[in-house]
């Protein structure tokens, strides 16, 4: 019997589907603090944030971490590597809700939706919306993986030119042009929209600096939907205080949640989204779809797992 511990809540109908499809697996739905279940677990299914070195020490039978998230930066990956524990995640399932969130914010800004809502609340009739169009603009997508490529596809449907940026500069889906990280300075002054969906790695932490914002157009829209350590927060605050760009749409932050006195809350041009761009009623079902495919492979003692993480690289 394979023991699998879920450390987050799963709806009853999904639990029944799991039990029906995998009769040879004992599923426990508890928490990482359940030391009895953890000690017996061969597989732990978690969002990753509850995993510590102590967790690993308390799980002598653990062979596989299934992380129902894309982010892994808070996990003790070096210790996991020493135990040779398999780590997989759900990379790719976020592309629909996150790309829709990006498009929703862009269209809201371009078509003056916040202004319209404010006018309605105030009971004022005005037609001075100052609306602009998304069509005909140029967008730089930093990190055109599964999520970034889907953002590119939707942008292209709105007749936006897409430029992808990754470490190598190698071609990605739905990008009209590709550049490497080293070419950012040359391209930033030419784009209207900058969207980052980068993970947190040694190469991406602090990738953007204050000087990059100076290079951007004053009318540019900057969007960070990847990880908050892409730029030091005080540098982004400085850039926005000086209005180096028109808008900063932020879904991620260096420290979450941001404090009630954080300048972002009331700063002109800053839109604070509380790390919800990936939220969707379909999140858990999509995560379990990936898990089920890998669990079949695990039971059959195969090696063709989806979304295997290199614990040394962190992705």
C-alpha atoms as a PDB file:
ATOM      1  CA  UNK A   1       0.000   0.000   0.000  1.00  0.00           C
ATOM      2  CA  UNK A   2       1.337   3.422  -1.008  1.00  0.00           C
ATOM      3  CA  UNK A   3       0.798   6.162   1.586  1.00  0.00           C
ATOM      4  CA  UNK A   4       0.109   9.657   0.209  1.00  0.00           C
ATOM      5  CA  UNK A   5      -0.375  12.697   2.450  1.00  0.00           C
ATOM      6  CA  UNK A   6      -2.265  15.773   1.218  1.00  0.00           C
ATOM      7  CA  UNK A   7      -1.490  18.845   3.323  1.00  0.00           C
ATOM      8  CA  UNK A   8      -4.274  20.997   1.855  1.00  0.00           C
ATOM      9  CA  UNK A   9      -8.048  20.712   1.562  1.00  0.00           C
ATOM     10  CA  UNK A  10      -9.576  18.836  -1.367  1.00  0.00           C
ATOM     11  CA  UNK A  11     -13.303  18.721  -2.140  1.00  0.00           C
ATOM     12  CA  UNK A  12     -15.132  15.485  -1.398  1.00  0.00           C
ATOM     13  CA  UNK A  13     -15.955  14.633  -5.012  1.00  0.00           C
ATOM     14  CA  UNK A  14     -12.288  14.932  -5.968  1.00  0.00           C
ATOM     15  CA  UNK A  15     -11.287  12.705  -3.042  1.00  0.00           C
ATOM     16  CA  UNK A  16     -13.759  10.066  -4.197  1.00  0.00           C
ATOM     17  CA  UNK A  17     -12.342  10.237  -7.725  1.00  0.00           C
ATOM     18  CA  UNK A  18      -8.821   9.699  -6.374  1.00  0.00           C
ATOM     19  CA  UNK A  19      -9.836   6.739  -4.234  1.00  0.00           C
ATOM     20  CA  UNK A  20     -11.748   5.155  -7.090  1.00  0.00           C
ATOM     21  CA  UNK A  21      -8.916   5.542  -9.597  1.00  0.00           C
ATOM     22  CA  UNK A  22      -6.155   4.452  -7.188  1.00  0.00           C
ATOM     23  CA  UNK A  23      -7.455   1.689  -4.866  1.00  0.00           C
ATOM     24  CA  UNK A  24      -3.891   0.699  -4.003  1.00  0.00           C
ATOM     25  CA  UNK A  25      -3.090   4.104  -2.496  1.00  0.00           C
ATOM     26  CA  UNK A  26      -3.984   5.187   1.023  1.00  0.00           C
ATOM     27  CA  UNK A  27      -4.761   8.917   0.873  1.00  0.00           C
ATOM     28  CA  UNK A  28      -4.592  10.965   4.071  1.00  0.00           C
ATOM     29  CA  UNK A  29      -5.929  14.510   4.071  1.00  0.00           C
ATOM     30  CA  UNK A  30      -4.408  16.336   7.009  1.00  0.00           C
ATOM     31  CA  UNK A  31      -1.501  18.754   7.503  1.00  0.00           C
ATOM     32  CA  UNK A  32       2.282  18.676   7.545  1.00  0.00           C
ATOM     33  CA  UNK A  33       2.026  18.771  11.360  1.00  0.00           C
ATOM     34  CA  UNK A  34       0.416  15.326  11.356  1.00  0.00           C
ATOM     35  CA  UNK A  35       3.607  13.536  12.366  1.00  0.00           C
ATOM     36  CA  UNK A  36       2.063  10.057  12.188  1.00  0.00           C
ATOM     37  CA  UNK A  37       0.850  10.513   8.610  1.00  0.00           C
ATOM     38  CA  UNK A  38       4.071  12.261   7.645  1.00  0.00           C
ATOM     39  CA  UNK A  39       6.225   9.435   9.022  1.00  0.00           C
ATOM     40  CA  UNK A  40       4.297   6.899   6.936  1.00  0.00           C
ATOM     41  CA  UNK A  41       4.092   8.972   3.760  1.00  0.00           C
ATOM     42  CA  UNK A  42       5.849   7.862   0.603  1.00  0.00           C
ATOM     43  CA  UNK A  43       4.315  10.816  -1.258  1.00  0.00           C
ATOM     44  CA  UNK A  44       3.520  14.280   0.096  1.00  0.00           C
ATOM     45  CA  UNK A  45       1.225  16.582  -1.884  1.00  0.00           C
ATOM     46  CA  UNK A  46       1.638  20.190  -0.752  1.00  0.00           C
ATOM     47  CA  UNK A  47       1.674  23.811  -1.891  1.00  0.00           C
ATOM     48  CA  UNK A  48       5.345  23.824  -0.813  1.00  0.00           C
ATOM     49  CA  UNK A  49       5.283  26.644   1.710  1.00  0.00           C
ATOM     50  CA  UNK A  50       4.828  24.243   4.638  1.00  0.00           C
ATOM     51  CA  UNK A  51       7.878  22.132   3.741  1.00  0.00           C
ATOM     52  CA  UNK A  52      10.920  22.591   6.020  1.00  0.00           C
ATOM     53  CA  UNK A  53      14.086  20.685   6.874  1.00  0.00           C
ATOM     54  CA  UNK A  54      12.203  19.356   9.904  1.00  0.00           C
ATOM     55  CA  UNK A  55       9.544  17.984   7.552  1.00  0.00           C
ATOM     56  CA  UNK A  56      12.154  15.928   5.722  1.00  0.00           C
ATOM     57  CA  UNK A  57      13.664  14.660   8.982  1.00  0.00           C
ATOM     58  CA  UNK A  58      10.228  13.487  10.130  1.00  0.00           C
ATOM     59  CA  UNK A  59       9.494  11.626   6.894  1.00  0.00           C
ATOM     60  CA  UNK A  60      11.874   8.640   6.629  1.00  0.00           C
ATOM     61  CA  UNK A  61       9.769   6.950   3.922  1.00  0.00           C
ATOM     62  CA  UNK A  62       9.333  10.031   1.750  1.00  0.00           C
ATOM     63  CA  UNK A  63      10.298   9.557  -1.904  1.00  0.00           C
ATOM     64  CA  UNK A  64       8.237  12.145  -3.799  1.00  0.00           C
ATOM     65  CA  UNK A  65       7.080  15.720  -3.233  1.00  0.00           C
ATOM     66  CA  UNK A  66       4.182  16.696  -5.479  1.00  0.00           C
ATOM     67  CA  UNK A  67       3.979  20.497  -5.237  1.00  0.00           C
ATOM     68  CA  UNK A  68       0.633  21.957  -6.302  1.00  0.00           C
ATOM     69  CA  UNK A  69       2.267  25.258  -7.184  1.00  0.00           C
ATOM     70  CA  UNK A  70       4.879  26.605  -9.569  1.00  0.00           C
ATOM     71  CA  UNK A  71       6.927  28.378  -6.891  1.00  0.00           C
ATOM     72  CA  UNK A  72       9.565  26.378  -5.018  1.00  0.00           C
ATOM     73  CA  UNK A  73      11.813  29.103  -3.622  1.00  0.00           C
ATOM     74  CA  UNK A  74      10.718  28.595   0.007  1.00  0.00           C
ATOM     75  CA  UNK A  75      11.506  24.871   0.006  1.00  0.00           C
ATOM     76  CA  UNK A  76      14.802  23.441   1.382  1.00  0.00           C
ATOM     77  CA  UNK A  77      15.828  22.118  -2.027  1.00  0.00           C
ATOM     78  CA  UNK A  78      19.423  21.301  -1.083  1.00  0.00           C
ATOM     79  CA  UNK A  79      18.261  19.029   1.751  1.00  0.00           C
ATOM     80  CA  UNK A  80      15.695  17.422  -0.555  1.00  0.00           C
ATOM     81  CA  UNK A  81      18.470  16.791  -3.088  1.00  0.00           C
ATOM     82  CA  UNK A  82      20.603  15.067  -0.473  1.00  0.00           C
ATOM     83  CA  UNK A  83      17.767  12.604   0.132  1.00  0.00           C
ATOM     84  CA  UNK A  84      17.296  12.133  -3.631  1.00  0.00           C
ATOM     85  CA  UNK A  85      13.581  12.847  -3.267  1.00  0.00           C
ATOM     86  CA  UNK A  86      11.671  13.342  -6.516  1.00  0.00           C
ATOM     87  CA  UNK A  87      10.069  16.791  -6.813  1.00  0.00           C
ATOM     88  CA  UNK A  88       7.379  17.580  -9.371  1.00  0.00           C
ATOM     89  CA  UNK A  89       5.076  20.579  -9.641  1.00  0.00           C
ATOM     90  CA  UNK A  90       2.079  21.775 -11.641  1.00  0.00           C
ATOM     91  CA  UNK A  91       3.851  24.064 -14.062  1.00  0.00           C
ATOM     92  CA  UNK A  92       1.531  25.007 -16.906  1.00  0.00           C
ATOM     93  CA  UNK A  93      -1.817  24.854 -15.102  1.00  0.00           C
ATOM     94  CA  UNK A  94      -1.643  28.564 -14.272  1.00  0.00           C
ATOM     95  CA  UNK A  95      -1.549  29.740 -17.855  1.00  0.00           C
ATOM     96  CA  UNK A  96      -5.300  30.238 -18.316  1.00  0.00           C
ATOM     97  CA  UNK A  97      -6.167  32.221 -15.153  1.00  0.00           C
ATOM     98  CA  UNK A  98      -2.893  34.191 -15.147  1.00  0.00           C
ATOM     99  CA  UNK A  99      -3.038  35.165 -18.811  1.00  0.00           C
ATOM    100  CA  UNK A 100      -6.670  36.207 -18.361  1.00  0.00           C
ATOM    101  CA  UNK A 101      -5.652  38.293 -15.329  1.00  0.00           C
ATOM    102  CA  UNK A 102      -2.925  40.042 -17.323  1.00  0.00           C
ATOM    103  CA  UNK A 103      -5.326  40.791 -20.166  1.00  0.00           C
ATOM    104  CA  UNK A 104      -8.029  41.987 -17.753  1.00  0.00           C
ATOM    105  CA  UNK A 105      -5.671  44.526 -16.173  1.00  0.00           C
ATOM    106  CA  UNK A 106      -4.368  45.706 -19.542  1.00  0.00           C
ATOM    107  CA  UNK A 107      -7.810  46.171 -21.034  1.00  0.00           C
ATOM    108  CA  UNK A 108      -9.057  47.866 -17.869  1.00  0.00           C
ATOM    109  CA  UNK A 109      -6.241  50.414 -18.076  1.00  0.00           C
ATOM    110  CA  UNK A 110      -6.514  50.967 -21.807  1.00  0.00           C
ATOM    111  CA  UNK A 111     -10.302  51.266 -21.796  1.00  0.00           C
ATOM    112  CA  UNK A 112     -10.434  53.390 -18.599  1.00  0.00           C
ATOM    113  CA  UNK A 113     -12.507  50.928 -16.567  1.00  0.00           C
ATOM    114  CA  UNK A 114     -11.252  52.158 -13.149  1.00  0.00           C
ATOM    115  CA  UNK A 115     -12.254  55.708 -14.158  1.00  0.00           C
ATOM    116  CA  UNK A 116     -15.693  54.490 -15.285  1.00  0.00           C
ATOM    117  CA  UNK A 117     -16.277  52.689 -11.980  1.00  0.00           C
ATOM    118  CA  UNK A 118     -15.219  55.791 -10.037  1.00  0.00           C
ATOM    119  CA  UNK A 119     -17.570  57.982 -12.085  1.00  0.00           C
ATOM    120  CA  UNK A 120     -20.459  55.622 -11.406  1.00  0.00           C
ATOM    121  CA  UNK A 121     -19.764  55.538  -7.668  1.00  0.00           C
ATOM    122  CA  UNK A 122     -19.690  59.340  -7.597  1.00  0.00           C
ATOM    123  CA  UNK A 123     -22.842  59.611  -9.717  1.00  0.00           C
ATOM    124  CA  UNK A 124     -21.025  61.744 -12.295  1.00  0.00           C
ATOM    125  CA  UNK A 125     -21.641  61.746 -16.055  1.00  0.00           C
ATOM    126  CA  UNK A 126     -18.483  62.525 -18.002  1.00  0.00           C
ATOM    127  CA  UNK A 127     -17.202  61.344 -21.355  1.00  0.00           C
ATOM    128  CA  UNK A 128     -13.598  62.432 -20.837  1.00  0.00           C
ATOM    129  CA  UNK A 129     -12.310  58.913 -20.438  1.00  0.00           C
ATOM    130  CA  UNK A 130      -8.896  59.353 -22.112  1.00  0.00           C
ATOM    131  CA  UNK A 131      -9.182  55.751 -23.311  1.00  0.00           C
ATOM    132  CA  UNK A 132      -6.484  54.291 -25.548  1.00  0.00           C
ATOM    133  CA  UNK A 133      -6.148  51.053 -27.520  1.00  0.00           C
ATOM    134  CA  UNK A 134      -4.177  47.906 -26.880  1.00  0.00           C
ATOM    135  CA  UNK A 135      -4.017  47.225 -30.621  1.00  0.00           C
ATOM    136  CA  UNK A 136      -0.819  48.384 -32.270  1.00  0.00           C
ATOM    137  CA  UNK A 137       1.319  48.385 -29.125  1.00  0.00           C
ATOM    138  CA  UNK A 138       4.443  46.342 -28.395  1.00  0.00           C
ATOM    139  CA  UNK A 139       4.790  44.056 -25.377  1.00  0.00           C
ATOM    140  CA  UNK A 140       7.907  42.550 -23.844  1.00  0.00           C
ATOM    141  CA  UNK A 141       7.191  39.232 -22.097  1.00  0.00           C
ATOM    142  CA  UNK A 142      10.015  38.321 -19.714  1.00  0.00           C
ATOM    143  CA  UNK A 143       9.854  34.581 -19.180  1.00  0.00           C
ATOM    144  CA  UNK A 144       7.864  33.237 -22.145  1.00  0.00           C
ATOM    145  CA  UNK A 145       7.288  29.738 -20.808  1.00  0.00           C
ATOM    146  CA  UNK A 146       3.851  28.122 -20.571  1.00  0.00           C
ATOM    147  CA  UNK A 147       2.268  31.190 -18.961  1.00  0.00           C
ATOM    148  CA  UNK A 148       4.215  33.795 -20.907  1.00  0.00           C
ATOM    149  CA  UNK A 149       3.503  32.103 -24.220  1.00  0.00           C
ATOM    150  CA  UNK A 150      -0.226  32.049 -23.492  1.00  0.00           C
ATOM    151  CA  UNK A 151      -0.059  35.749 -22.643  1.00  0.00           C
ATOM    152  CA  UNK A 152       1.707  36.238 -25.977  1.00  0.00           C
ATOM    153  CA  UNK A 153      -1.016  34.341 -27.832  1.00  0.00           C
ATOM    154  CA  UNK A 154      -3.757  36.525 -26.367  1.00  0.00           C
ATOM    155  CA  UNK A 155      -1.787  39.717 -26.982  1.00  0.00           C
ATOM    156  CA  UNK A 156      -1.266  38.771 -30.611  1.00  0.00           C
ATOM    157  CA  UNK A 157      -5.033  38.286 -30.956  1.00  0.00           C
ATOM    158  CA  UNK A 158      -5.334  41.975 -30.012  1.00  0.00           C
ATOM    159  CA  UNK A 159      -2.760  42.883 -32.694  1.00  0.00           C
ATOM    160  CA  UNK A 160       0.040  43.494 -30.219  1.00  0.00           C
ATOM    161  CA  UNK A 161       3.634  42.839 -31.286  1.00  0.00           C
ATOM    162  CA  UNK A 162       5.245  40.427 -28.839  1.00  0.00           C
ATOM    163  CA  UNK A 163       8.913  40.258 -27.865  1.00  0.00           C
ATOM    164  CA  UNK A 164       9.995  37.395 -25.624  1.00  0.00           C
ATOM    165  CA  UNK A 165      12.963  37.587 -23.276  1.00  0.00           C
ATOM    166  CA  UNK A 166      14.699  34.641 -21.649  1.00  0.00           C
ATOM    167  CA  UNK A 167      18.191  33.648 -20.581  1.00  0.00           C
ATOM    168  CA  UNK A 168      19.218  32.145 -23.920  1.00  0.00           C
ATOM    169  CA  UNK A 169      17.184  34.185 -26.369  1.00  0.00           C
ATOM    170  CA  UNK A 170      15.932  30.953 -27.925  1.00  0.00           C
ATOM    171  CA  UNK A 171      12.567  31.041 -29.672  1.00  0.00           C
ATOM    172  CA  UNK A 172       9.357  30.645 -27.667  1.00  0.00           C
ATOM    173  CA  UNK A 173       5.760  30.181 -28.768  1.00  0.00           C
ATOM    174  CA  UNK A 174       3.688  33.223 -29.790  1.00  0.00           C
ATOM    175  CA  UNK A 175       6.639  35.623 -29.778  1.00  0.00           C
ATOM    176  CA  UNK A 176       7.323  37.742 -32.861  1.00  0.00           C
ATOM    177  CA  UNK A 177      10.905  38.257 -31.725  1.00  0.00           C
ATOM    178  CA  UNK A 178      13.210  36.907 -29.016  1.00  0.00           C
ATOM    179  CA  UNK A 179      15.972  38.519 -26.981  1.00  0.00           C
ATOM    180  CA  UNK A 180      18.205  37.397 -24.119  1.00  0.00           C
ATOM    181  CA  UNK A 181      18.501  38.996 -20.678  1.00  0.00           C
ATOM    182  CA  UNK A 182      21.610  40.797 -21.882  1.00  0.00           C
ATOM    183  CA  UNK A 183      19.623  42.656 -24.549  1.00  0.00           C
ATOM    184  CA  UNK A 184      17.089  44.228 -22.178  1.00  0.00           C
ATOM    185  CA  UNK A 185      18.666  47.683 -22.178  1.00  0.00           C
ATOM    186  CA  UNK A 186      18.375  47.997 -25.945  1.00  0.00           C
ATOM    187  CA  UNK A 187      14.742  46.867 -26.115  1.00  0.00           C
ATOM    188  CA  UNK A 188      13.103  48.474 -23.051  1.00  0.00           C
ATOM    189  CA  UNK A 189      12.917  52.007 -24.571  1.00  0.00           C
ATOM    190  CA  UNK A 190      10.929  50.623 -27.531  1.00  0.00           C
ATOM    191  CA  UNK A 191       8.095  48.752 -25.782  1.00  0.00           C
ATOM    192  CA  UNK A 192       4.752  49.865 -24.360  1.00  0.00           C
ATOM    193  CA  UNK A 193       4.126  46.962 -22.008  1.00  0.00           C
ATOM    194  CA  UNK A 194       6.559  44.912 -19.886  1.00  0.00           C
ATOM    195  CA  UNK A 195       5.180  41.696 -18.358  1.00  0.00           C
ATOM    196  CA  UNK A 196       7.329  39.464 -16.157  1.00  0.00           C
ATOM    197  CA  UNK A 197       6.280  35.921 -15.301  1.00  0.00           C
ATOM    198  CA  UNK A 198       9.734  34.761 -14.253  1.00  0.00           C
ATOM    199  CA  UNK A 199      10.275  32.259 -11.435  1.00  0.00           C
ATOM    200  CA  UNK A 200      12.619  33.060  -8.556  1.00  0.00           C
ATOM    201  CA  UNK A 201      16.096  31.704  -9.350  1.00  0.00           C
ATOM    202  CA  UNK A 202      19.691  32.834  -8.870  1.00  0.00           C
ATOM    203  CA  UNK A 203      19.588  34.366 -12.352  1.00  0.00           C
ATOM    204  CA  UNK A 204      16.295  36.222 -11.971  1.00  0.00           C
ATOM    205  CA  UNK A 205      16.565  37.704  -8.468  1.00  0.00           C
ATOM    206  CA  UNK A 206      17.249  41.406  -8.911  1.00  0.00           C
ATOM    207  CA  UNK A 207      17.274  41.051 -12.699  1.00  0.00           C
ATOM    208  CA  UNK A 208      15.510  44.398 -13.100  1.00  0.00           C
ATOM    209  CA  UNK A 209      16.999  47.531 -11.554  1.00  0.00           C
ATOM    210  CA  UNK A 210      16.029  51.177 -11.180  1.00  0.00           C
ATOM    211  CA  UNK A 211      18.059  51.940 -14.317  1.00  0.00           C
ATOM    212  CA  UNK A 212      15.815  49.626 -16.346  1.00  0.00           C
ATOM    213  CA  UNK A 213      12.792  51.727 -15.364  1.00  0.00           C
ATOM    214  CA  UNK A 214      14.590  54.887 -16.409  1.00  0.00           C
ATOM    215  CA  UNK A 215      14.988  53.299 -19.843  1.00  0.00           C
ATOM    216  CA  UNK A 216      11.274  52.499 -20.177  1.00  0.00           C
ATOM    217  CA  UNK A 217       8.769  54.850 -21.782  1.00  0.00           C
ATOM    218  CA  UNK A 218       6.986  57.201 -19.374  1.00  0.00           C
ATOM    219  CA  UNK A 219       3.742  55.827 -20.817  1.00  0.00           C
ATOM    220  CA  UNK A 220       4.763  52.188 -20.267  1.00  0.00           C
ATOM    221  CA  UNK A 221       2.808  49.642 -18.253  1.00  0.00           C
ATOM    222  CA  UNK A 222       4.970  47.367 -16.071  1.00  0.00           C
ATOM    223  CA  UNK A 223       3.398  44.127 -14.808  1.00  0.00           C
ATOM    224  CA  UNK A 224       4.991  41.667 -12.391  1.00  0.00           C
ATOM    225  CA  UNK A 225       3.102  38.371 -12.177  1.00  0.00           C
ATOM    226  CA  UNK A 226       6.120  36.131 -11.543  1.00  0.00           C
ATOM    227  CA  UNK A 227       8.012  36.656  -8.299  1.00  0.00           C
ATOM    228  CA  UNK A 228       8.490  39.727  -6.127  1.00  0.00           C
ATOM    229  CA  UNK A 229      12.278  39.485  -5.945  1.00  0.00           C
ATOM    230  CA  UNK A 230      12.600  40.417  -9.636  1.00  0.00           C
ATOM    231  CA  UNK A 231      13.433  43.942  -8.425  1.00  0.00           C
ATOM    232  CA  UNK A 232      14.254  45.402  -5.023  1.00  0.00           C
ATOM    233  CA  UNK A 233      11.033  46.921  -3.733  1.00  0.00           C
ATOM    234  CA  UNK A 234      12.599  50.207  -2.648  1.00  0.00           C
ATOM    235  CA  UNK A 235      13.888  50.686  -6.194  1.00  0.00           C
ATOM    236  CA  UNK A 236      10.422  50.092  -7.648  1.00  0.00           C
ATOM    237  CA  UNK A 237       8.937  52.545  -5.129  1.00  0.00           C
ATOM    238  CA  UNK A 238      11.505  55.135  -6.205  1.00  0.00           C
ATOM    239  CA  UNK A 239      10.761  54.545  -9.892  1.00  0.00           C
ATOM    240  CA  UNK A 240       7.018  54.954  -9.335  1.00  0.00           C
ATOM    241  CA  UNK A 241       7.420  58.030  -7.122  1.00  0.00           C
ATOM    242  CA  UNK A 242       9.293  59.601 -10.023  1.00  0.00           C
ATOM    243  CA  UNK A 243       6.690  58.258 -12.527  1.00  0.00           C
ATOM    244  CA  UNK A 244       9.358  56.601 -14.636  1.00  0.00           C
ATOM    245  CA  UNK A 245       6.480  54.493 -16.022  1.00  0.00           C
ATOM    246  CA  UNK A 246       2.744  55.207 -16.086  1.00  0.00           C
ATOM    247  CA  UNK A 247       1.556  52.024 -14.350  1.00  0.00           C
ATOM    248  CA  UNK A 248       2.928  49.197 -12.234  1.00  0.00           C
ATOM    249  CA  UNK A 249       0.486  46.294 -11.957  1.00  0.00           C
ATOM    250  CA  UNK A 250       1.798  44.054  -9.189  1.00  0.00           C
ATOM    251  CA  UNK A 251       0.573  40.613  -8.177  1.00  0.00           C
ATOM    252  CA  UNK A 252       3.743  39.597  -6.295  1.00  0.00           C
ATOM    253  CA  UNK A 253       5.971  41.310  -3.725  1.00  0.00           C
ATOM    254  CA  UNK A 254       9.267  40.788  -1.916  1.00  0.00           C
ATOM    255  CA  UNK A 255       7.412  40.190   1.361  1.00  0.00           C
ATOM    256  CA  UNK A 256       3.785  39.089   1.408  1.00  0.00           C
ATOM    257  CA  UNK A 257       1.411  40.362   2.544  1.00  0.00           C
ATOM    258  CA  UNK A 258       2.551  43.961   2.187  1.00  0.00           C
ATOM    259  CA  UNK A 259       1.987  46.086   5.301  1.00  0.00           C
ATOM    260  CA  UNK A 260      -0.999  48.368   5.724  1.00  0.00           C
ATOM    261  CA  UNK A 261       1.319  51.402   5.562  1.00  0.00           C
ATOM    262  CA  UNK A 262       3.151  50.266   2.439  1.00  0.00           C
ATOM    263  CA  UNK A 263       3.423  53.111  -0.106  1.00  0.00           C
ATOM    264  CA  UNK A 264       2.059  50.901  -2.897  1.00  0.00           C
ATOM    265  CA  UNK A 265      -1.483  51.066  -1.467  1.00  0.00           C
ATOM    266  CA  UNK A 266      -1.977  54.748  -2.250  1.00  0.00           C
ATOM    267  CA  UNK A 267       0.690  55.373  -4.883  1.00  0.00           C
ATOM    268  CA  UNK A 268      -0.542  56.860  -8.144  1.00  0.00           C
ATOM    269  CA  UNK A 269      -0.165  54.445 -11.035  1.00  0.00           C
ATOM    270  CA  UNK A 270       0.308  51.356  -8.827  1.00  0.00           C
ATOM    271  CA  UNK A 271      -2.283  48.569  -8.876  1.00  0.00           C
ATOM    272  CA  UNK A 272      -2.010  46.163  -5.950  1.00  0.00           C
ATOM    273  CA  UNK A 273      -3.243  42.635  -6.640  1.00  0.00           C
ATOM    274  CA  UNK A 274      -2.833  40.360  -3.558  1.00  0.00           C
ATOM    275  CA  UNK A 275      -1.138  37.447  -5.356  1.00  0.00           C
ATOM    276  CA  UNK A 276      -4.408  36.167  -6.803  1.00  0.00           C
ATOM    277  CA  UNK A 277      -3.760  36.115 -10.550  1.00  0.00           C
ATOM    278  CA  UNK A 278      -3.596  32.299 -10.613  1.00  0.00           C
ATOM    279  CA  UNK A 279      -6.719  31.774  -8.512  1.00  0.00           C
ATOM    280  CA  UNK A 280      -9.467  29.829 -10.215  1.00  0.00           C
ATOM    281  CA  UNK A 281     -12.180  27.336  -9.394  1.00  0.00           C
ATOM    282  CA  UNK A 282     -10.290  24.967 -11.717  1.00  0.00           C
ATOM    283  CA  UNK A 283      -6.963  25.182  -9.848  1.00  0.00           C
ATOM    284  CA  UNK A 284      -7.248  22.017  -7.731  1.00  0.00           C
ATOM    285  CA  UNK A 285      -8.831  19.860 -10.484  1.00  0.00           C
ATOM    286  CA  UNK A 286      -6.046  20.849 -12.884  1.00  0.00           C
ATOM    287  CA  UNK A 287      -3.403  20.133 -10.214  1.00  0.00           C
ATOM    288  CA  UNK A 288      -4.872  16.713  -9.575  1.00  0.00           C
ATOM    289  CA  UNK A 289      -4.928  15.955 -13.292  1.00  0.00           C
ATOM    290  CA  UNK A 290      -1.132  16.373 -13.369  1.00  0.00           C
ATOM    291  CA  UNK A 291      -0.759  14.414 -10.128  1.00  0.00           C
ATOM    292  CA  UNK A 292      -2.853  11.501 -11.406  1.00  0.00           C
ATOM    293  CA  UNK A 293      -0.756  11.131 -14.549  1.00  0.00           C
ATOM    294  CA  UNK A 294       2.421  11.065 -12.490  1.00  0.00           C
ATOM    295  CA  UNK A 295       0.914   8.741  -9.896  1.00  0.00           C
ATOM    296  CA  UNK A 296       0.092   6.178 -12.590  1.00  0.00           C
ATOM    297  CA  UNK A 297       3.724   6.428 -13.715  1.00  0.00           C
ATOM    298  CA  UNK A 298       4.898   6.013 -10.105  1.00  0.00           C
ATOM    299  CA  UNK A 299       2.765   2.922  -9.516  1.00  0.00           C
ATOM    300  CA  UNK A 300       4.052   1.387 -12.753  1.00  0.00           C
ATOM    301  CA  UNK A 301       7.634   2.162 -11.668  1.00  0.00           C
ATOM    302  CA  UNK A 302       8.158   4.330 -14.707  1.00  0.00           C
ATOM    303  CA  UNK A 303      10.392   7.378 -15.124  1.00  0.00           C
ATOM    304  CA  UNK A 304       8.435   9.557 -17.546  1.00  0.00           C
ATOM    305  CA  UNK A 305       7.143  12.080 -15.015  1.00  0.00           C
ATOM    306  CA  UNK A 306       5.698  15.479 -15.893  1.00  0.00           C
ATOM    307  CA  UNK A 307       7.233  18.670 -14.495  1.00  0.00           C
ATOM    308  CA  UNK A 308      10.271  17.157 -12.780  1.00  0.00           C
ATOM    309  CA  UNK A 309      12.197  19.816 -10.855  1.00  0.00           C
ATOM    310  CA  UNK A 310      15.986  20.107 -10.904  1.00  0.00           C
ATOM    311  CA  UNK A 311      16.560  20.845  -7.226  1.00  0.00           C
ATOM    312  CA  UNK A 312      19.980  22.375  -7.938  1.00  0.00           C
ATOM    313  CA  UNK A 313      18.546  24.917 -10.377  1.00  0.00           C
ATOM    314  CA  UNK A 314      15.263  25.400  -8.540  1.00  0.00           C
ATOM    315  CA  UNK A 315      13.059  24.890 -11.598  1.00  0.00           C
END
